[in-house]
Amino acid sequence: MIIPGFLIAIATFPGVIVHEAAHFWMCRLRRIAVLDVCYFRIGDPCGYVIHEQTDDFTSSFLIATGPFFVNSLLCILICFPVVAPMRLFRSTEPWTYVILYLGISIGMHAFPSTADAKGLWNSCRLATSRGNIWAMISYPLVVLIFVANILSIVWFDYLYGLAIGLWLPDALMTKLIE
């Protein structure tokens, strides 16, 4: 089923906001000036952080991949406390679905955008030319980001959110119960 991107962004706006906040936080962490930020809007892109350019590969890497780590961690932290009672006590209170929606919408926006991947690719190229081993090692990750963006056409981002928000906590709970 093909649904326009702006409708998905509207339906999963918490994930968009956290994604952009993660970029912003990484800029602050690395002391990279933020020139403009939009946490959510109806349009393409549905959010953005414009920051000063940097030649520091570590900063470029953290800014580009920050949403993956922040959104993934938040998805797990939000969903696990809800999945546990659902699994252990068969609790299906209406609020549990609201929290699961929040966690999964955050998780499904974990992957850096194609624009983030392009910026990271250019940063890898520059840093590799300077002999940075971490940049050389990062190329496969950048390729995976591009692949994940292509696979979003078949709902890969949603499946990722489900995997870390529902299936991972459920698998952990199954192990704990056994």
C-alpha atoms as a PDB file:
ATOM      1  CA  MET A   1       0.000   0.000   0.000  1.00  0.00           C
ATOM      2  CA  ILE A   2       1.456   3.351  -1.023  1.00  0.00           C
ATOM      3  CA  ILE A   3       0.618   6.255   1.252  1.00  0.00           C
ATOM      4  CA  PRO A   4       1.985   9.742   0.553  1.00  0.00           C
ATOM      5  CA  GLY A   5       4.928  10.641   2.772  1.00  0.00           C
ATOM      6  CA  PHE A   6       3.294  13.744   4.199  1.00  0.00           C
ATOM      7  CA  LEU A   7       0.387  11.643   5.521  1.00  0.00           C
ATOM      8  CA  ILE A   8       2.804   9.235   7.188  1.00  0.00           C
ATOM      9  CA  ALA A   9       4.673  12.206   8.670  1.00  0.00           C
ATOM     10  CA  ILE A  10       1.429  13.635  10.056  1.00  0.00           C
ATOM     11  CA  ALA A  11       0.421  10.272  11.518  1.00  0.00           C
ATOM     12  CA  THR A  12       3.843   9.721  13.077  1.00  0.00           C
ATOM     13  CA  PHE A  13       4.762  13.315  13.939  1.00  0.00           C
ATOM     14  CA  PRO A  14       6.272  12.427  17.360  1.00  0.00           C
ATOM     15  CA  GLY A  15       8.957  10.434  15.538  1.00  0.00           C
ATOM     16  CA  VAL A  16       9.728  13.327  13.192  1.00  0.00           C
ATOM     17  CA  ILE A  17      10.081  15.723  16.124  1.00  0.00           C
ATOM     18  CA  VAL A  18      12.408  13.382  18.039  1.00  0.00           C
ATOM     19  CA  HIS A  19      14.438  12.724  14.863  1.00  0.00           C
ATOM     20  CA  GLU A  20      15.078  16.429  14.340  1.00  0.00           C
ATOM     21  CA  ALA A  21      15.682  16.981  18.064  1.00  0.00           C
ATOM     22  CA  ALA A  22      18.353  14.269  17.927  1.00  0.00           C
ATOM     23  CA  HIS A  23      20.133  16.102  15.102  1.00  0.00           C
ATOM     24  CA  PHE A  24      19.869  19.317  17.122  1.00  0.00           C
ATOM     25  CA  TRP A  25      21.190  17.679  20.323  1.00  0.00           C
ATOM     26  CA  MET A  26      24.146  16.186  18.470  1.00  0.00           C
ATOM     27  CA  CYS A  27      24.977  19.605  17.027  1.00  0.00           C
ATOM     28  CA  ARG A  28      24.906  21.064  20.541  1.00  0.00           C
ATOM     29  CA  LEU A  29      26.947  18.165  21.929  1.00  0.00           C
ATOM     30  CA  ARG A  30      29.642  18.709  19.301  1.00  0.00           C
ATOM     31  CA  ARG A  31      29.412  22.537  19.548  1.00  0.00           C
ATOM     32  CA  ILE A  32      28.307  22.915  15.935  1.00  0.00           C
ATOM     33  CA  ALA A  33      26.232  26.061  15.388  1.00  0.00           C
ATOM     34  CA  VAL A  34      22.609  25.467  14.436  1.00  0.00           C
ATOM     35  CA  LEU A  35      21.471  28.011  11.850  1.00  0.00           C
ATOM     36  CA  ASP A  36      17.826  26.959  11.541  1.00  0.00           C
ATOM     37  CA  VAL A  37      15.617  24.201  12.878  1.00  0.00           C
ATOM     38  CA  CYS A  38      12.116  23.009  12.049  1.00  0.00           C
ATOM     39  CA  TYR A  39      10.906  20.128  14.181  1.00  0.00           C
ATOM     40  CA  PHE A  40       7.796  19.456  12.131  1.00  0.00           C
ATOM     41  CA  ARG A  41       5.949  20.869   9.157  1.00  0.00           C
ATOM     42  CA  ILE A  42       3.705  19.586   6.425  1.00  0.00           C
ATOM     43  CA  GLY A  43       5.990  19.555   3.426  1.00  0.00           C
ATOM     44  CA  ASP A  44       9.152  18.010   2.105  1.00  0.00           C
ATOM     45  CA  PRO A  45      11.173  17.631   4.197  1.00  0.00           C
ATOM     46  CA  CYS A  46       8.820  17.342   7.154  1.00  0.00           C
ATOM     47  CA  GLY A  47      11.567  18.588   9.468  1.00  0.00           C
ATOM     48  CA  TYR A  48      15.154  19.754   9.244  1.00  0.00           C
ATOM     49  CA  VAL A  49      18.170  21.081  11.114  1.00  0.00           C
ATOM     50  CA  ILE A  50      20.520  23.374   9.223  1.00  0.00           C
ATOM     51  CA  HIS A  51      23.911  23.625  10.871  1.00  0.00           C
ATOM     52  CA  GLU A  52      27.331  24.985  10.060  1.00  0.00           C
ATOM     53  CA  GLN A  53      29.662  22.796   8.041  1.00  0.00           C
ATOM     54  CA  THR A  54      32.393  20.889   9.820  1.00  0.00           C
ATOM     55  CA  ASP A  55      35.492  19.061   8.669  1.00  0.00           C
ATOM     56  CA  ASP A  56      35.457  16.939  11.836  1.00  0.00           C
ATOM     57  CA  PHE A  57      34.352  13.423  10.839  1.00  0.00           C
ATOM     58  CA  THR A  58      33.230  12.473  14.348  1.00  0.00           C
ATOM     59  CA  SER A  59      30.904  15.472  14.486  1.00  0.00           C
ATOM     60  CA  SER A  60      29.502  14.745  11.027  1.00  0.00           C
ATOM     61  CA  PHE A  61      28.972  11.102  11.937  1.00  0.00           C
ATOM     62  CA  LEU A  62      27.212  11.846  15.233  1.00  0.00           C
ATOM     63  CA  ILE A  63      24.994  14.543  13.744  1.00  0.00           C
ATOM     64  CA  ALA A  64      23.940  12.318  10.834  1.00  0.00           C
ATOM     65  CA  THR A  65      23.406   9.125  12.854  1.00  0.00           C
ATOM     66  CA  GLY A  66      22.173  10.686  16.098  1.00  0.00           C
ATOM     67  CA  PRO A  67      18.513  10.026  15.276  1.00  0.00           C
ATOM     68  CA  PHE A  68      19.225   6.328  14.813  1.00  0.00           C
ATOM     69  CA  PHE A  69      20.602   5.983  18.319  1.00  0.00           C
ATOM     70  CA  VAL A  70      18.244   8.431  20.064  1.00  0.00           C
ATOM     71  CA  ASN A  71      15.037   7.289  18.340  1.00  0.00           C
ATOM     72  CA  SER A  72      15.873   3.600  18.725  1.00  0.00           C
ATOM     73  CA  LEU A  73      16.670   3.958  22.416  1.00  0.00           C
ATOM     74  CA  LEU A  74      13.543   6.034  23.099  1.00  0.00           C
ATOM     75  CA  CYS A  75      11.373   3.541  21.221  1.00  0.00           C
ATOM     76  CA  ILE A  76      12.657   0.706  23.387  1.00  0.00           C
ATOM     77  CA  LEU A  77      12.386   2.714  26.613  1.00  0.00           C
ATOM     78  CA  ILE A  78       8.828   3.821  25.845  1.00  0.00           C
ATOM     79  CA  CYS A  79       7.526   0.474  24.602  1.00  0.00           C
ATOM     80  CA  PHE A  80       9.170  -1.957  27.028  1.00  0.00           C
ATOM     81  CA  PRO A  81       7.207  -0.831  30.114  1.00  0.00           C
ATOM     82  CA  VAL A  82       3.984  -1.293  28.139  1.00  0.00           C
ATOM     83  CA  VAL A  83       4.856  -4.586  26.456  1.00  0.00           C
ATOM     84  CA  ALA A  84       5.859  -6.152  29.779  1.00  0.00           C
ATOM     85  CA  PRO A  85       2.377  -5.857  31.404  1.00  0.00           C
ATOM     86  CA  MET A  86       0.730  -6.817  28.116  1.00  0.00           C
ATOM     87  CA  ARG A  87       2.863  -9.938  27.960  1.00  0.00           C
ATOM     88  CA  LEU A  88       2.824 -10.859  31.636  1.00  0.00           C
ATOM     89  CA  PHE A  89      -0.719  -9.893  32.631  1.00  0.00           C
ATOM     90  CA  ARG A  90      -2.488  -9.773  29.265  1.00  0.00           C
ATOM     91  CA  SER A  91      -3.252  -6.115  29.976  1.00  0.00           C
ATOM     92  CA  THR A  92      -4.869  -4.343  27.037  1.00  0.00           C
ATOM     93  CA  GLU A  93      -5.865  -1.009  28.482  1.00  0.00           C
ATOM     94  CA  PRO A  94      -6.547   1.710  25.872  1.00  0.00           C
ATOM     95  CA  TRP A  95      -3.651   3.857  27.136  1.00  0.00           C
ATOM     96  CA  THR A  96      -1.209   1.048  26.320  1.00  0.00           C
ATOM     97  CA  TYR A  97      -2.001   1.451  22.634  1.00  0.00           C
ATOM     98  CA  VAL A  98      -1.420   5.200  22.816  1.00  0.00           C
ATOM     99  CA  ILE A  99       2.009   4.618  24.364  1.00  0.00           C
ATOM    100  CA  LEU A 100       2.839   1.915  21.823  1.00  0.00           C
ATOM    101  CA  TYR A 101       1.862   4.317  19.021  1.00  0.00           C
ATOM    102  CA  LEU A 102       4.190   6.934  20.512  1.00  0.00           C
ATOM    103  CA  GLY A 103       7.116   4.512  20.852  1.00  0.00           C
ATOM    104  CA  ILE A 104       6.714   2.889  17.446  1.00  0.00           C
ATOM    105  CA  SER A 105       6.261   6.241  15.682  1.00  0.00           C
ATOM    106  CA  ILE A 106       9.534   7.367  17.266  1.00  0.00           C
ATOM    107  CA  GLY A 107      11.268   4.106  16.332  1.00  0.00           C
ATOM    108  CA  MET A 108      10.173   4.210  12.726  1.00  0.00           C
ATOM    109  CA  HIS A 109      11.878   7.591  12.268  1.00  0.00           C
ATOM    110  CA  ALA A 110      15.221   6.312  13.536  1.00  0.00           C
ATOM    111  CA  PHE A 111      16.925   6.006  10.176  1.00  0.00           C
ATOM    112  CA  PRO A 112      18.803   9.046   8.898  1.00  0.00           C
ATOM    113  CA  SER A 113      17.329  10.548   5.740  1.00  0.00           C
ATOM    114  CA  THR A 114      18.858  10.265   2.294  1.00  0.00           C
ATOM    115  CA  ALA A 115      20.084  13.854   2.690  1.00  0.00           C
ATOM    116  CA  ASP A 116      21.792  12.857   5.962  1.00  0.00           C
ATOM    117  CA  ALA A 117      23.343   9.855   4.223  1.00  0.00           C
ATOM    118  CA  LYS A 118      24.620  12.018   1.348  1.00  0.00           C
ATOM    119  CA  GLY A 119      26.218  14.436   3.811  1.00  0.00           C
ATOM    120  CA  LEU A 120      27.794  11.562   5.728  1.00  0.00           C
ATOM    121  CA  TRP A 121      29.037  10.008   2.478  1.00  0.00           C
ATOM    122  CA  ASN A 122      30.778  13.275   1.548  1.00  0.00           C
ATOM    123  CA  SER A 123      32.236  13.523   5.042  1.00  0.00           C
ATOM    124  CA  CYS A 124      33.493   9.927   4.766  1.00  0.00           C
ATOM    125  CA  ARG A 125      35.136  10.706   1.432  1.00  0.00           C
ATOM    126  CA  LEU A 126      36.905  13.779   2.819  1.00  0.00           C
ATOM    127  CA  ALA A 127      38.003  12.049   6.020  1.00  0.00           C
ATOM    128  CA  THR A 128      39.142   8.933   4.112  1.00  0.00           C
ATOM    129  CA  SER A 129      41.349  11.091   1.891  1.00  0.00           C
ATOM    130  CA  ARG A 130      42.975  12.296   5.130  1.00  0.00           C
ATOM    131  CA  GLY A 131      43.554   8.710   6.288  1.00  0.00           C
ATOM    132  CA  ASN A 132      40.776   8.529   8.899  1.00  0.00           C
ATOM    133  CA  ILE A 133      40.260   4.808   9.567  1.00  0.00           C
ATOM    134  CA  TRP A 134      36.836   5.394  11.205  1.00  0.00           C
ATOM    135  CA  ALA A 135      35.619   7.071   8.044  1.00  0.00           C
ATOM    136  CA  MET A 136      36.778   4.091   5.986  1.00  0.00           C
ATOM    137  CA  ILE A 137      34.968   1.705   8.313  1.00  0.00           C
ATOM    138  CA  SER A 138      31.799   3.843   8.125  1.00  0.00           C
ATOM    139  CA  TYR A 139      31.181   3.378   4.402  1.00  0.00           C
ATOM    140  CA  PRO A 140      29.106   0.191   4.840  1.00  0.00           C
ATOM    141  CA  LEU A 141      26.936   1.968   7.408  1.00  0.00           C
ATOM    142  CA  VAL A 142      26.259   4.791   4.970  1.00  0.00           C
ATOM    143  CA  VAL A 143      25.283   2.242   2.325  1.00  0.00           C
ATOM    144  CA  LEU A 144      22.907   0.621   4.843  1.00  0.00           C
ATOM    145  CA  ILE A 145      21.302   4.020   5.475  1.00  0.00           C
ATOM    146  CA  PHE A 146      20.709   4.436   1.732  1.00  0.00           C
ATOM    147  CA  VAL A 147      19.263   0.902   1.532  1.00  0.00           C
ATOM    148  CA  ALA A 148      16.986   1.524   4.540  1.00  0.00           C
ATOM    149  CA  ASN A 149      15.660   4.669   2.857  1.00  0.00           C
ATOM    150  CA  ILE A 150      14.945   2.770  -0.352  1.00  0.00           C
ATOM    151  CA  LEU A 151      13.239  -0.014   1.623  1.00  0.00           C
ATOM    152  CA  SER A 152      10.970   2.495   3.337  1.00  0.00           C
ATOM    153  CA  ILE A 153       8.833   2.112   0.198  1.00  0.00           C
ATOM    154  CA  VAL A 154       7.949  -1.365   1.514  1.00  0.00           C
ATOM    155  CA  TRP A 155       7.474  -0.120   5.097  1.00  0.00           C
ATOM    156  CA  PHE A 156      10.931  -1.129   6.356  1.00  0.00           C
ATOM    157  CA  ASP A 157      10.999   1.834   8.737  1.00  0.00           C
ATOM    158  CA  TYR A 158       7.665   0.772  10.242  1.00  0.00           C
ATOM    159  CA  LEU A 159       8.865  -2.835  10.542  1.00  0.00           C
ATOM    160  CA  TYR A 160      11.983  -1.581  12.314  1.00  0.00           C
ATOM    161  CA  GLY A 161       9.827   0.375  14.782  1.00  0.00           C
ATOM    162  CA  LEU A 162       7.728  -2.739  15.414  1.00  0.00           C
ATOM    163  CA  ALA A 163      10.825  -4.900  15.782  1.00  0.00           C
ATOM    164  CA  ILE A 164      12.480  -2.796  18.457  1.00  0.00           C
ATOM    165  CA  GLY A 165       9.260  -1.570  20.076  1.00  0.00           C
ATOM    166  CA  LEU A 166       7.256  -4.794  20.227  1.00  0.00           C
ATOM    167  CA  TRP A 167       9.166  -7.855  19.113  1.00  0.00           C
ATOM    168  CA  LEU A 168      12.396  -7.144  21.012  1.00  0.00           C
ATOM    169  CA  PRO A 169      10.667  -6.506  24.373  1.00  0.00           C
ATOM    170  CA  ASP A 170       8.369  -9.482  23.757  1.00  0.00           C
ATOM    171  CA  ALA A 171      11.350 -11.747  23.027  1.00  0.00           C
ATOM    172  CA  LEU A 172      13.079 -10.514  26.188  1.00  0.00           C
ATOM    173  CA  MET A 173       9.940 -11.115  28.234  1.00  0.00           C
ATOM    174  CA  THR A 174       9.632 -14.627  26.773  1.00  0.00           C
ATOM    175  CA  LYS A 175      13.210 -15.361  27.852  1.00  0.00           C
ATOM    176  CA  LEU A 176      12.545 -13.998  31.348  1.00  0.00           C
ATOM    177  CA  ILE A 177       9.362 -16.028  31.745  1.00  0.00           C
ATOM    178  CA  GLU A 178      10.967 -19.326  30.670  1.00  0.00           C
END
